[in-house]
Amino acid sequence: MCYKFPVPADTDAINYLNKTVGFLDGKVYVVGHSKGGHLAMVASSFCNPLIKYKLKKVYNFDGPGLRKKEIESNKFKNMCKKLEHIVPHYSVVGLLLRHGNNTKSIRSTRKDLLAHSLFTWEVRENSFILEPLSILSKNLDKSIILWLDQHDDNERERIIKDFFDYLRKSGIENITEMTKLKNVISLIKNSDDYQKYLLLQ
């Protein structure tokens, strides 16, 4: 998603919303978590104008954002006043790419990657408990934007494909396994930089 738009899931989400919402339907809420949050945002931005008019609220729960081109498009800008992007105060996934100015940070019982789970998010009565983004997440957010600005789509594609090759070589198949120390060590050992370091010894 950092080097291509739309990806197949984006197209499917847009088509689904266009086909699901009928002419006689009332106000519509579009909601998703993680990749689903990204898809809720994409579908709501790029759906048919009649459907966009019917949208009451769009919720992206800790889902990735969009590239600069899409964020700056009129289609996104026309939708974003209805958007709430909600992330835990220790967010990683929800800070990927650009996400506009509608982000709300809330408290999680976790202070690691597992804060991504909805089941860790804290509520009081019928509202989320607000909590400022952690320093770690703020720095991550700045670093991601800096990285995006420094690389074009072709460079991003090469870097991302290399990164996922490292994950496969290290036996990491999901986000939970990223928290295991032995898998992180394996990931480092499979990196080109580490291999070059060994050759210099």
Protein backbone atom coordinates (compact mmCIF):
# COMPACT_ATOMS: atom_id res chain seq x y z
CA MET A 1 0.00 0.00 0.00
CA CYS A 2 2.97 2.35 0.42
CA TYR A 3 3.88 2.16 -3.27
CA LYS A 4 0.65 1.32 -5.11
CA PHE A 5 -2.97 2.44 -5.16
CA PRO A 6 -5.41 0.86 -5.45
CA VAL A 7 -4.36 -2.61 -4.34
CA PRO A 8 -6.90 -5.39 -5.10
CA ALA A 9 -8.45 -5.19 -1.63
CA ASP A 10 -9.04 -1.44 -2.12
CA THR A 11 -10.89 -2.07 -5.37
CA ASP A 12 -12.98 -4.83 -3.76
CA ALA A 13 -13.91 -2.55 -0.84
CA ILE A 14 -14.98 0.30 -3.14
CA ASN A 15 -17.06 -2.07 -5.27
CA TYR A 16 -18.61 -3.67 -2.17
CA LEU A 17 -19.75 -0.32 -0.76
CA ASN A 18 -21.12 0.77 -4.14
CA LYS A 19 -23.14 -2.44 -4.48
CA THR A 20 -24.28 -2.73 -0.86
CA VAL A 21 -25.73 0.73 -0.23
CA GLY A 22 -29.02 1.20 -2.06
CA PHE A 23 -30.79 4.32 -3.25
CA LEU A 24 -33.46 4.03 -0.54
CA ASP A 25 -31.05 3.35 2.34
CA GLY A 26 -30.70 5.93 5.09
CA LYS A 27 -27.51 7.14 6.73
CA VAL A 28 -24.61 4.71 6.63
CA TYR A 29 -21.74 4.01 9.04
CA VAL A 30 -18.58 2.45 7.60
CA VAL A 31 -16.28 0.82 10.16
CA GLY A 32 -13.18 -1.35 10.11
CA HIS A 33 -10.19 -2.42 12.23
CA SER A 34 -6.58 -2.72 11.04
CA LYS A 35 -6.58 -3.44 7.29
CA GLY A 36 -10.37 -3.22 7.52
CA GLY A 37 -10.04 0.31 8.87
CA HIS A 38 -7.91 1.26 5.89
CA LEU A 39 -10.50 -0.30 3.57
CA ALA A 40 -13.36 1.54 5.29
CA MET A 41 -11.52 4.81 4.70
CA VAL A 42 -10.66 3.97 1.08
CA ALA A 43 -14.16 2.76 0.17
CA SER A 44 -15.75 5.85 1.74
CA SER A 45 -13.37 8.18 -0.10
CA PHE A 46 -13.65 6.65 -3.55
CA CYS A 47 -17.24 5.37 -3.64
CA ASN A 48 -20.00 6.84 -5.82
CA PRO A 49 -21.04 10.44 -4.89
CA LEU A 50 -24.59 9.37 -3.93
CA ILE A 51 -23.23 6.84 -1.44
CA LYS A 52 -20.73 9.35 -0.07
CA TYR A 53 -23.66 11.69 0.60
CA LYS A 54 -25.33 8.96 2.68
CA LEU A 55 -22.27 8.41 4.88
CA LYS A 56 -22.90 9.48 8.47
CA LYS A 57 -19.56 8.46 9.97
CA VAL A 58 -16.43 6.55 8.93
CA TYR A 59 -14.29 4.84 11.59
CA ASN A 60 -10.77 3.61 10.95
CA PHE A 61 -9.72 1.66 14.05
CA ASP A 62 -5.90 1.57 14.03
CA GLY A 63 -5.70 0.94 10.30
CA PRO A 64 -2.99 2.18 7.92
CA GLY A 65 -3.45 5.40 6.00
CA LEU A 66 -2.80 6.34 2.39
CA ARG A 67 -0.07 7.73 0.20
CA LYS A 68 0.31 11.50 -0.12
CA LYS A 69 -1.38 11.54 -3.53
CA GLU A 70 -4.56 9.97 -2.19
CA ILE A 71 -4.58 11.99 1.05
CA GLU A 72 -4.36 15.20 -0.99
CA SER A 73 -7.07 14.14 -3.45
CA ASN A 74 -10.43 15.92 -3.48
CA LYS A 75 -12.20 12.59 -2.99
CA PHE A 76 -10.46 12.01 0.35
CA LYS A 77 -10.82 15.65 1.43
CA ASN A 78 -14.58 15.52 0.75
CA MET A 79 -14.91 12.49 3.01
CA CYS A 80 -12.43 13.24 5.81
CA LYS A 81 -14.79 15.51 7.80
CA LYS A 82 -16.80 12.33 8.49
CA LEU A 83 -13.70 10.29 9.39
CA GLU A 84 -12.49 9.31 12.85
CA HIS A 85 -9.14 7.57 12.90
CA ILE A 86 -8.79 5.98 16.33
CA VAL A 87 -5.46 4.51 17.47
CA PRO A 88 -4.17 3.16 20.81
CA HIS A 89 -1.57 5.33 22.54
CA TYR A 90 1.03 2.67 21.64
CA SER A 91 0.18 2.48 17.95
CA VAL A 92 2.24 1.03 15.10
CA VAL A 93 -0.17 -0.24 12.43
CA GLY A 94 -2.44 2.80 12.57
CA LEU A 95 0.48 5.17 12.00
CA LEU A 96 1.61 3.55 8.77
CA LEU A 97 1.45 5.92 5.78
CA ARG A 98 -0.37 9.27 5.99
CA HIS A 99 -3.67 9.56 7.81
CA GLY A 100 -4.81 13.19 7.79
CA ASN A 101 -5.61 15.27 10.87
CA ASN A 102 -8.54 13.30 12.29
CA THR A 103 -6.57 10.94 14.54
CA LYS A 104 -7.70 10.32 18.13
CA SER A 105 -5.41 8.47 20.54
CA ILE A 106 -6.95 6.28 23.27
CA ARG A 107 -5.72 4.22 26.21
CA SER A 108 -4.78 0.55 25.85
CA THR A 109 -3.87 -1.93 28.58
CA ARG A 110 -0.82 -2.89 26.48
CA LYS A 111 2.36 -0.96 25.77
CA ASP A 112 3.63 -2.98 22.82
CA LEU A 113 2.47 -4.31 19.43
CA LEU A 114 -0.47 -6.06 21.09
CA ALA A 115 -2.05 -2.66 21.81
CA HIS A 116 -3.35 -3.11 18.25
CA SER A 117 -5.96 -5.54 19.61
CA LEU A 118 -9.39 -3.98 20.19
CA PHE A 119 -9.75 -6.10 23.33
CA THR A 120 -7.02 -4.03 25.04
CA TRP A 121 -8.72 -0.68 24.45
CA GLU A 122 -10.17 0.97 27.54
CA VAL A 123 -13.64 2.47 27.78
CA ARG A 124 -15.57 4.38 30.43
CA GLU A 125 -19.33 3.95 30.10
CA ASN A 126 -19.90 4.42 26.35
CA SER A 127 -16.70 6.29 25.39
CA PHE A 128 -13.05 5.45 24.81
CA ILE A 129 -10.63 6.83 27.40
CA LEU A 130 -8.36 9.34 25.68
CA GLU A 131 -4.58 9.07 26.13
CA PRO A 132 -1.86 11.00 24.27
CA LEU A 133 0.32 9.06 21.84
CA SER A 134 3.40 7.59 23.48
CA ILE A 135 6.76 9.17 22.67
CA LEU A 136 7.65 5.94 20.85
CA SER A 137 4.58 6.21 18.60
CA LYS A 138 5.13 9.93 17.97
CA ASN A 139 8.71 9.26 16.88
CA LEU A 140 7.57 6.35 14.73
CA ASP A 141 4.99 8.56 13.04
CA LYS A 142 7.61 11.19 12.21
CA SER A 143 10.06 8.55 10.98
CA ILE A 144 7.49 6.96 8.67
CA ILE A 145 6.63 10.31 7.04
CA LEU A 146 10.34 11.09 6.66
CA TRP A 147 10.93 7.69 5.03
CA LEU A 148 7.99 8.17 2.67
CA ASP A 149 9.26 11.60 1.65
CA GLN A 150 12.76 10.27 0.95
CA HIS A 151 11.73 7.40 -1.36
CA ASP A 152 9.61 7.23 -4.50
CA ASP A 153 7.16 4.41 -5.23
CA ASN A 154 9.74 2.24 -7.03
CA GLU A 155 12.22 2.50 -4.17
CA ARG A 156 9.52 1.73 -1.62
CA GLU A 157 8.48 -1.37 -3.56
CA ARG A 158 12.04 -2.71 -3.57
CA ILE A 159 12.56 -2.01 0.15
CA ILE A 160 9.23 -3.56 1.18
CA LYS A 161 9.81 -6.71 -0.89
CA ASP A 162 13.27 -7.09 0.65
CA PHE A 163 11.83 -6.64 4.14
CA PHE A 164 9.20 -9.35 3.62
CA ASP A 165 11.88 -11.66 2.23
CA TYR A 166 13.76 -11.17 5.53
CA LEU A 167 10.59 -11.98 7.47
CA ARG A 168 10.06 -15.22 5.54
CA LYS A 169 13.69 -16.28 5.98
CA SER A 170 13.35 -15.64 9.72
CA GLY A 171 10.17 -17.72 10.02
CA ILE A 172 8.03 -14.74 11.04
CA GLU A 173 4.51 -15.18 9.66
CA ASN A 174 2.39 -12.78 11.75
CA ILE A 175 2.67 -9.67 13.91
CA THR A 176 2.63 -11.63 17.18
CA GLU A 177 5.79 -13.48 16.19
CA MET A 178 7.53 -10.10 15.76
CA THR A 179 7.47 -9.75 19.56
CA LYS A 180 9.52 -12.94 20.13
CA LEU A 181 13.16 -12.13 20.78
CA LYS A 182 14.50 -15.20 18.95
CA ASN A 183 12.61 -14.17 15.80
CA VAL A 184 13.94 -10.61 15.98
CA ILE A 185 17.49 -11.96 16.34
CA SER A 186 16.90 -14.25 13.36
CA LEU A 187 15.60 -11.29 11.36
CA ILE A 188 18.76 -9.30 12.10
CA LYS A 189 20.99 -12.22 11.18
CA ASN A 190 19.26 -12.58 7.80
CA SER A 191 19.75 -8.92 6.92
CA ASP A 192 22.32 -7.87 4.31
CA ASP A 193 23.91 -5.41 6.73
CA TYR A 194 24.59 -8.17 9.24
CA GLN A 195 26.04 -10.44 6.53
CA LYS A 196 28.36 -7.62 5.42
CA TYR A 197 29.38 -7.11 9.05
CA LEU A 198 30.37 -10.79 9.33
CA LEU A 199 32.49 -10.55 6.18
CA LEU A 200 34.42 -7.64 7.68
CA GLN A 201 35.35 -9.60 10.83
